[in-house]
Amino acid sequence: MKFVLSALATAIAFAAMSPAVMAQDFPTRPVRMIVPFPAGGTADMLPRIVSEKMSAHLGVPVIVENRSGAGGNIGADYVARAVPDGYTLLVVPVNFYFTQLLSKVAFDPMKFVGVSIIATYPSVLLATRELPANNVAELLALIRTRDKPLTYASAGTGTNQHLSAELFKSLAKAQVTHVPYRGTAPAITDLIAGTVDIMFDNMITAGPFVQTGKVKLLAVGSAERNRNLPKVPAVAETLPGYVSNTWMSVAAPPGTPDKIVQRLNTALVAAIHDPDVQQRIRKLQAEPVGNSPADMAAVVKRDVAAWTKVIQDANIQPE
């Protein structure tokens, strides 16, 4: 009986332990970064670039783990339910933060605690090789004179690819038909095959296909020409006001103590600022960031407001 009571008391004491107490010795075991998408995409590549250096700064392994499905919601829900002790993190793009506008989820993305943005990169406008347009002006002329609407691919409803195209349509006052896919890989495969006409993506995944001439690069979505692609015009040169930049970040579950978040931020930022890591990120045509949780929160607030307007203007409904 005494043993049972002792064990019960120990269990109660452990359960009552505050997050602040748990944070004192953090970390003492491996940290997992959950990628809620399949291996090989942007969300997978960027955390793998920083994980080794981040491990060195934390003194424990940082393991990148893929838990894909439901447009990223399976992995996100898994992390939302994790103990907020800093050992389970989520790798997310900007569109994660307005998930609730586009699908029914059991978590509130805005309650996740941002650790840092890894890198930012512009959307790029791609076209199939056979499309008789080599820039935005020629594309708009083709859209407006063709009897049958052009088609654009995306990795799914609510993705950055989808919203980038809807913003383009809105500013150009042009009709282009959306063809959603279950991921970037099948979408760009059909673009290469000429099954669809255009697509917004990023150079991290599309770069190899542009370099080998399998697709055409018409423009970048940054407000001005991107320094990594100085010869490629910005969409805004033809459509003033068009901006479509995106980013990949690391977030912690709701309720993660500030002390743990700051420890993770210090290690992640140090990894991102490592010269070798910066070189590898820039080689992917992305720009390393590595900012504070407060700065990341400000970026999230700004971008959620901007993309929410695009969703509302395009009348995109939850699936």
Protein backbone atom coordinates (compact mmCIF):
# COMPACT_ATOMS: atom_id res chain seq x y z
CA MET A 1 0.00 0.00 0.00
CA LYS A 2 2.83 2.36 0.88
CA PHE A 3 4.45 1.59 -2.49
CA VAL A 4 1.22 2.41 -4.34
CA LEU A 5 0.79 5.68 -2.47
CA SER A 6 4.41 6.61 -3.12
CA ALA A 7 4.09 5.87 -6.82
CA LEU A 8 0.84 7.86 -6.99
CA ALA A 9 2.46 10.83 -5.27
CA THR A 10 5.37 10.72 -7.69
CA ALA A 11 3.03 10.61 -10.66
CA ILE A 12 1.01 13.55 -9.36
CA ALA A 13 4.17 15.56 -8.73
CA PHE A 14 5.42 14.87 -12.26
CA ALA A 15 2.06 15.78 -13.79
CA ALA A 16 2.00 19.00 -11.80
CA MET A 17 5.48 19.98 -12.93
CA SER A 18 5.20 23.32 -14.68
CA PRO A 19 6.58 23.91 -18.20
CA ALA A 20 8.98 26.42 -16.65
CA VAL A 21 10.50 23.68 -14.48
CA MET A 22 10.77 21.32 -17.47
CA ALA A 23 12.53 24.10 -19.40
CA GLN A 24 15.43 24.39 -16.95
CA ASP A 25 17.45 21.49 -18.35
CA PHE A 26 16.27 21.67 -21.97
CA PRO A 27 17.37 19.87 -24.08
CA THR A 28 18.36 16.45 -22.75
CA ARG A 29 17.19 14.26 -25.65
CA PRO A 30 16.71 14.47 -29.44
CA VAL A 31 14.51 17.19 -30.92
CA ARG A 32 12.21 16.26 -33.79
CA MET A 33 11.22 18.64 -36.58
CA ILE A 34 8.03 17.30 -38.15
CA VAL A 35 7.65 18.06 -41.86
CA PRO A 36 3.93 17.68 -42.69
CA PHE A 37 4.67 17.04 -46.38
CA PRO A 38 6.38 14.28 -48.39
CA ALA A 39 10.16 14.06 -48.65
CA GLY A 40 11.90 15.97 -51.42
CA GLY A 41 9.93 19.23 -51.40
CA THR A 42 10.86 22.68 -50.15
CA ALA A 43 9.48 21.98 -46.66
CA ASP A 44 11.71 18.92 -46.47
CA MET A 45 14.93 20.30 -47.95
CA LEU A 46 15.34 23.47 -45.89
CA PRO A 47 15.11 21.93 -42.40
CA ARG A 48 17.51 19.16 -43.44
CA ILE A 49 20.05 21.82 -44.42
CA VAL A 50 19.91 23.45 -40.96
CA SER A 51 19.36 20.38 -38.77
CA GLU A 52 23.00 19.28 -38.46
CA LYS A 53 24.28 22.71 -37.41
CA MET A 54 21.30 23.16 -35.09
CA SER A 55 22.18 19.83 -33.45
CA ALA A 56 25.71 21.07 -32.77
CA HIS A 57 24.37 24.19 -31.01
CA LEU A 58 21.80 22.28 -28.93
CA GLY A 59 24.09 19.41 -28.05
CA VAL A 60 21.46 16.82 -29.00
CA PRO A 61 20.40 15.33 -32.37
CA VAL A 62 17.81 17.25 -34.40
CA ILE A 63 15.85 14.74 -36.43
CA VAL A 64 13.73 15.70 -39.45
CA GLU A 65 10.67 13.44 -39.73
CA ASN A 66 8.02 13.41 -42.48
CA ARG A 67 4.37 12.99 -41.48
CA SER A 68 2.46 13.92 -44.61
CA GLY A 69 -1.20 13.80 -45.56
CA ALA A 70 -4.32 15.95 -45.77
CA GLY A 71 -2.43 18.90 -47.21
CA GLY A 72 -0.12 19.05 -44.20
CA ASN A 73 -2.88 18.86 -41.61
CA ILE A 74 -1.98 15.36 -40.32
CA GLY A 75 1.51 16.43 -39.31
CA ALA A 76 0.28 19.75 -37.95
CA ASP A 77 -2.39 18.07 -35.84
CA TYR A 78 0.21 15.66 -34.48
CA VAL A 79 2.42 18.53 -33.32
CA ALA A 80 -0.57 20.49 -31.98
CA ARG A 81 -1.27 17.55 -29.64
CA ALA A 82 2.37 17.09 -28.61
CA VAL A 83 3.60 18.02 -25.15
CA PRO A 84 4.83 21.65 -25.41
CA ASP A 85 8.30 20.82 -24.14
CA GLY A 86 10.36 21.81 -27.20
CA TYR A 87 11.10 18.27 -28.33
CA THR A 88 8.50 18.21 -31.13
CA LEU A 89 8.49 21.05 -33.65
CA LEU A 90 6.66 21.76 -36.89
CA VAL A 91 8.11 22.95 -40.21
CA VAL A 92 5.54 25.17 -41.94
CA PRO A 93 5.12 27.57 -44.87
CA VAL A 94 3.15 30.79 -44.72
CA ASN A 95 -0.14 29.18 -45.82
CA PHE A 96 -0.18 27.02 -42.67
CA TYR A 97 -1.25 30.08 -40.70
CA PHE A 98 -4.55 30.46 -42.53
CA THR A 99 -5.36 26.73 -42.73
CA GLN A 100 -8.61 27.25 -40.84
CA LEU A 101 -9.94 29.45 -43.67
CA LEU A 102 -9.60 26.63 -46.20
CA SER A 103 -10.25 23.39 -44.35
CA LYS A 104 -11.76 22.07 -41.14
CA VAL A 105 -9.00 21.40 -38.63
CA ALA A 106 -8.93 20.57 -34.94
CA PHE A 107 -6.15 23.03 -34.14
CA ASP A 108 -5.70 26.79 -34.29
CA PRO A 109 -2.55 27.55 -36.33
CA MET A 110 -2.29 31.03 -34.85
CA LYS A 111 -1.70 29.50 -31.40
CA PHE A 112 1.51 27.82 -32.50
CA VAL A 113 4.63 29.58 -31.25
CA GLY A 114 6.98 30.74 -34.00
CA VAL A 115 10.65 29.89 -33.51
CA SER A 116 12.15 31.43 -36.65
CA ILE A 117 11.78 31.72 -40.40
CA ILE A 118 14.44 29.62 -42.12
CA ALA A 119 14.37 31.24 -45.56
CA THR A 120 12.25 33.31 -47.88
CA TYR A 121 11.89 32.92 -51.63
CA PRO A 122 9.72 34.41 -54.36
CA SER A 123 7.07 32.57 -56.27
CA VAL A 124 7.95 32.12 -59.93
CA LEU A 125 5.64 31.97 -62.93
CA LEU A 126 6.31 28.92 -65.09
CA ALA A 127 4.89 27.85 -68.44
CA THR A 128 4.98 24.73 -70.53
CA ARG A 129 7.63 24.82 -73.26
CA GLU A 130 5.05 24.87 -76.05
CA LEU A 131 3.11 27.87 -74.75
CA PRO A 132 3.51 30.77 -77.22
CA ALA A 133 4.38 33.31 -74.51
CA ASN A 134 7.78 34.22 -73.08
CA ASN A 135 6.85 36.96 -70.62
CA VAL A 136 3.88 38.24 -68.64
CA ALA A 137 2.73 40.70 -71.34
CA GLU A 138 2.65 37.95 -73.97
CA LEU A 139 0.89 35.61 -71.54
CA LEU A 140 -1.83 38.18 -70.82
CA ALA A 141 -2.31 38.81 -74.53
CA LEU A 142 -2.69 35.06 -75.07
CA ILE A 143 -5.18 34.74 -72.21
CA ARG A 144 -7.31 37.58 -73.55
CA THR A 145 -7.39 36.45 -77.18
CA ARG A 146 -7.72 32.70 -76.79
CA ASP A 147 -11.21 31.18 -77.02
CA LYS A 148 -10.53 28.40 -74.53
CA PRO A 149 -9.24 29.48 -71.09
CA LEU A 150 -5.68 28.58 -70.17
CA THR A 151 -5.17 26.24 -67.22
CA TYR A 152 -2.91 26.60 -64.21
CA ALA A 153 -1.70 23.85 -61.89
CA SER A 154 -1.29 23.95 -58.13
CA ALA A 155 -0.35 21.53 -55.36
CA GLY A 156 -3.87 21.85 -54.01
CA THR A 157 -6.49 24.33 -52.89
CA GLY A 158 -5.13 26.99 -50.56
CA THR A 159 -1.49 26.36 -51.34
CA ASN A 160 0.83 29.23 -52.15
CA GLN A 161 0.74 28.12 -55.80
CA HIS A 162 -3.05 28.40 -55.86
CA LEU A 163 -3.22 31.76 -54.11
CA SER A 164 -0.37 33.23 -56.18
CA ALA A 165 -2.32 32.42 -59.33
CA GLU A 166 -5.56 33.83 -57.92
CA LEU A 167 -3.79 37.10 -57.08
CA PHE A 168 -2.44 37.16 -60.64
CA LYS A 169 -5.94 36.58 -62.05
CA SER A 170 -7.41 39.31 -59.86
CA LEU A 171 -4.89 41.99 -60.85
CA ALA A 172 -4.92 40.99 -64.53
CA LYS A 173 -8.72 40.60 -64.61
CA ALA A 174 -8.08 37.41 -66.54
CA GLN A 175 -9.80 34.03 -66.62
CA VAL A 176 -7.55 31.02 -66.07
CA THR A 177 -8.86 27.61 -64.97
CA HIS A 178 -7.50 26.07 -61.77
CA VAL A 179 -6.36 22.43 -61.91
CA PRO A 180 -5.48 21.31 -58.35
CA TYR A 181 -3.20 18.33 -57.72
CA ARG A 182 -2.22 16.38 -54.62
CA GLY A 183 1.22 17.87 -54.29
CA THR A 184 3.82 19.75 -56.30
CA ALA A 185 5.37 16.71 -57.99
CA PRO A 186 2.30 15.63 -60.00
CA ALA A 187 1.47 19.25 -60.80
CA ILE A 188 4.86 20.07 -62.29
CA THR A 189 4.94 16.69 -64.05
CA ASP A 190 1.81 17.65 -65.95
CA LEU A 191 3.22 21.11 -66.64
CA ILE A 192 6.28 19.48 -68.22
CA ALA A 193 3.99 17.22 -70.26
CA GLY A 194 1.91 20.18 -71.45
CA THR A 195 -1.28 18.90 -69.80
CA VAL A 196 -1.63 22.28 -68.08
CA ASP A 197 -0.37 25.64 -69.36
CA ILE A 198 1.14 27.56 -66.45
CA MET A 199 1.99 27.22 -62.78
CA PHE A 200 3.29 29.30 -59.90
CA ASP A 201 5.97 27.54 -57.87
CA ASN A 202 9.42 28.36 -56.47
CA MET A 203 12.93 27.81 -57.76
CA ILE A 204 13.81 25.39 -54.97
CA THR A 205 11.65 22.73 -56.60
CA ALA A 206 11.31 24.12 -60.13
CA GLY A 207 14.96 25.15 -60.63
CA PRO A 208 16.19 21.85 -62.12
CA PHE A 209 13.34 21.82 -64.65
CA VAL A 210 14.02 25.42 -65.66
CA GLN A 211 17.75 24.77 -66.01
CA THR A 212 17.16 21.74 -68.24
CA GLY A 213 14.60 23.56 -70.39
CA LYS A 214 11.69 21.35 -69.45
CA VAL A 215 9.61 24.40 -68.46
CA LYS A 216 9.88 28.12 -69.18
CA LEU A 217 10.47 30.72 -66.48
CA LEU A 218 8.40 33.81 -67.32
CA ALA A 219 8.71 35.98 -64.20
CA VAL A 220 9.35 36.18 -60.46
CA GLY A 221 6.80 37.16 -57.84
CA SER A 222 9.02 39.44 -55.76
CA ALA A 223 8.21 43.15 -55.77
CA GLU A 224 11.39 43.78 -57.76
CA ARG A 225 13.76 41.57 -59.69
CA ASN A 226 15.31 38.93 -57.49
CA ARG A 227 19.04 39.29 -56.98
CA ASN A 228 19.49 35.57 -57.61
CA LEU A 229 17.65 35.88 -60.95
CA PRO A 230 18.55 39.39 -62.18
CA LYS A 231 17.63 38.74 -65.82
CA VAL A 232 14.14 37.51 -65.01
CA PRO A 233 11.51 40.28 -64.86
CA ALA A 234 9.15 40.66 -61.93
CA VAL A 235 5.45 40.11 -62.52
CA ALA A 236 4.97 43.59 -61.01
CA GLU A 237 6.76 45.16 -63.98
CA THR A 238 3.65 44.29 -66.00
CA LEU A 239 1.09 43.98 -63.20
CA PRO A 240 1.86 46.73 -60.66
CA GLY A 241 1.18 45.66 -57.09
CA TYR A 242 1.75 41.98 -57.64
CA VAL A 243 3.86 40.41 -54.86
CA SER A 244 4.05 36.74 -54.01
CA ASN A 245 6.87 35.84 -51.68
CA THR A 246 6.76 32.82 -49.44
CA TRP A 247 8.84 31.35 -46.66
CA MET A 248 9.48 28.25 -44.61
CA SER A 249 9.62 28.38 -40.83
CA VAL A 250 9.82 26.34 -37.64
CA ALA A 251 7.09 26.55 -35.00
CA ALA A 252 6.53 24.98 -31.60
CA PRO A 253 3.25 23.62 -30.15
CA PRO A 254 0.88 26.02 -28.41
CA GLY A 255 1.92 26.68 -24.85
CA THR A 256 5.65 26.09 -25.30
CA PRO A 257 7.49 28.13 -22.61
CA ASP A 258 9.37 31.23 -23.72
CA LYS A 259 12.63 29.93 -22.27
CA ILE A 260 12.49 26.85 -24.49
CA VAL A 261 11.47 28.87 -27.54
CA GLN A 262 14.40 31.23 -27.00
CA ARG A 263 16.80 28.30 -26.63
CA LEU A 264 15.52 26.78 -29.88
CA ASN A 265 15.66 30.16 -31.61
CA THR A 266 19.28 30.75 -30.59
CA ALA A 267 20.33 27.37 -32.00
CA LEU A 268 18.27 27.66 -35.18
CA VAL A 269 19.39 31.22 -35.96
CA ALA A 270 23.03 30.26 -35.37
CA ALA A 271 22.58 27.35 -37.79
CA ILE A 272 20.94 29.55 -40.44
CA HIS A 273 23.73 32.15 -40.16
CA ASP A 274 26.44 29.53 -40.59
CA PRO A 275 28.34 30.39 -43.84
CA ASP A 276 28.04 26.86 -45.23
CA VAL A 277 24.30 26.75 -44.53
CA GLN A 278 23.78 30.19 -46.09
CA GLN A 279 25.63 29.10 -49.21
CA ARG A 280 23.51 25.95 -49.52
CA ILE A 281 20.27 27.88 -49.06
CA ARG A 282 21.25 30.53 -51.61
CA LYS A 283 22.19 27.78 -54.07
CA LEU A 284 18.49 26.85 -53.97
CA GLN A 285 17.60 30.44 -55.03
CA ALA A 286 16.30 31.23 -51.53
CA GLU A 287 17.38 33.89 -49.04
CA PRO A 288 18.34 32.83 -45.49
CA VAL A 289 16.47 34.67 -42.72
CA GLY A 290 16.96 33.52 -39.13
CA ASN A 291 14.88 36.04 -37.18
CA SER A 292 13.48 36.34 -33.66
CA PRO A 293 10.12 34.87 -32.55
CA ALA A 294 8.75 38.42 -32.28
CA ASP A 295 9.89 39.32 -35.78
CA MET A 296 8.44 36.09 -37.15
CA ALA A 297 5.12 36.82 -35.43
CA ALA A 298 5.01 40.22 -37.14
CA VAL A 299 5.65 38.62 -40.55
CA VAL A 300 2.92 36.03 -39.91
CA LYS A 301 0.41 38.75 -38.98
CA ARG A 302 1.24 40.80 -42.10
CA ASP A 303 1.14 37.90 -44.54
CA VAL A 304 -1.98 36.29 -43.10
CA ALA A 305 -3.83 39.59 -43.58
CA ALA A 306 -2.62 39.89 -47.19
CA TRP A 307 -3.47 36.32 -48.21
CA THR A 308 -6.79 36.35 -46.35
CA LYS A 309 -7.84 39.19 -48.64
CA VAL A 310 -6.86 37.12 -51.69
CA ILE A 311 -8.91 34.17 -50.37
CA GLN A 312 -11.93 36.37 -49.75
CA ASP A 313 -11.69 38.22 -53.07
CA ALA A 314 -11.41 34.92 -54.96
CA ASN A 315 -14.26 33.43 -52.88
CA ILE A 316 -12.22 30.29 -52.14
CA GLN A 317 -14.35 28.02 -49.99
CA PRO A 318 -13.20 25.48 -47.37
CA GLU A 319 -12.94 21.91 -48.60
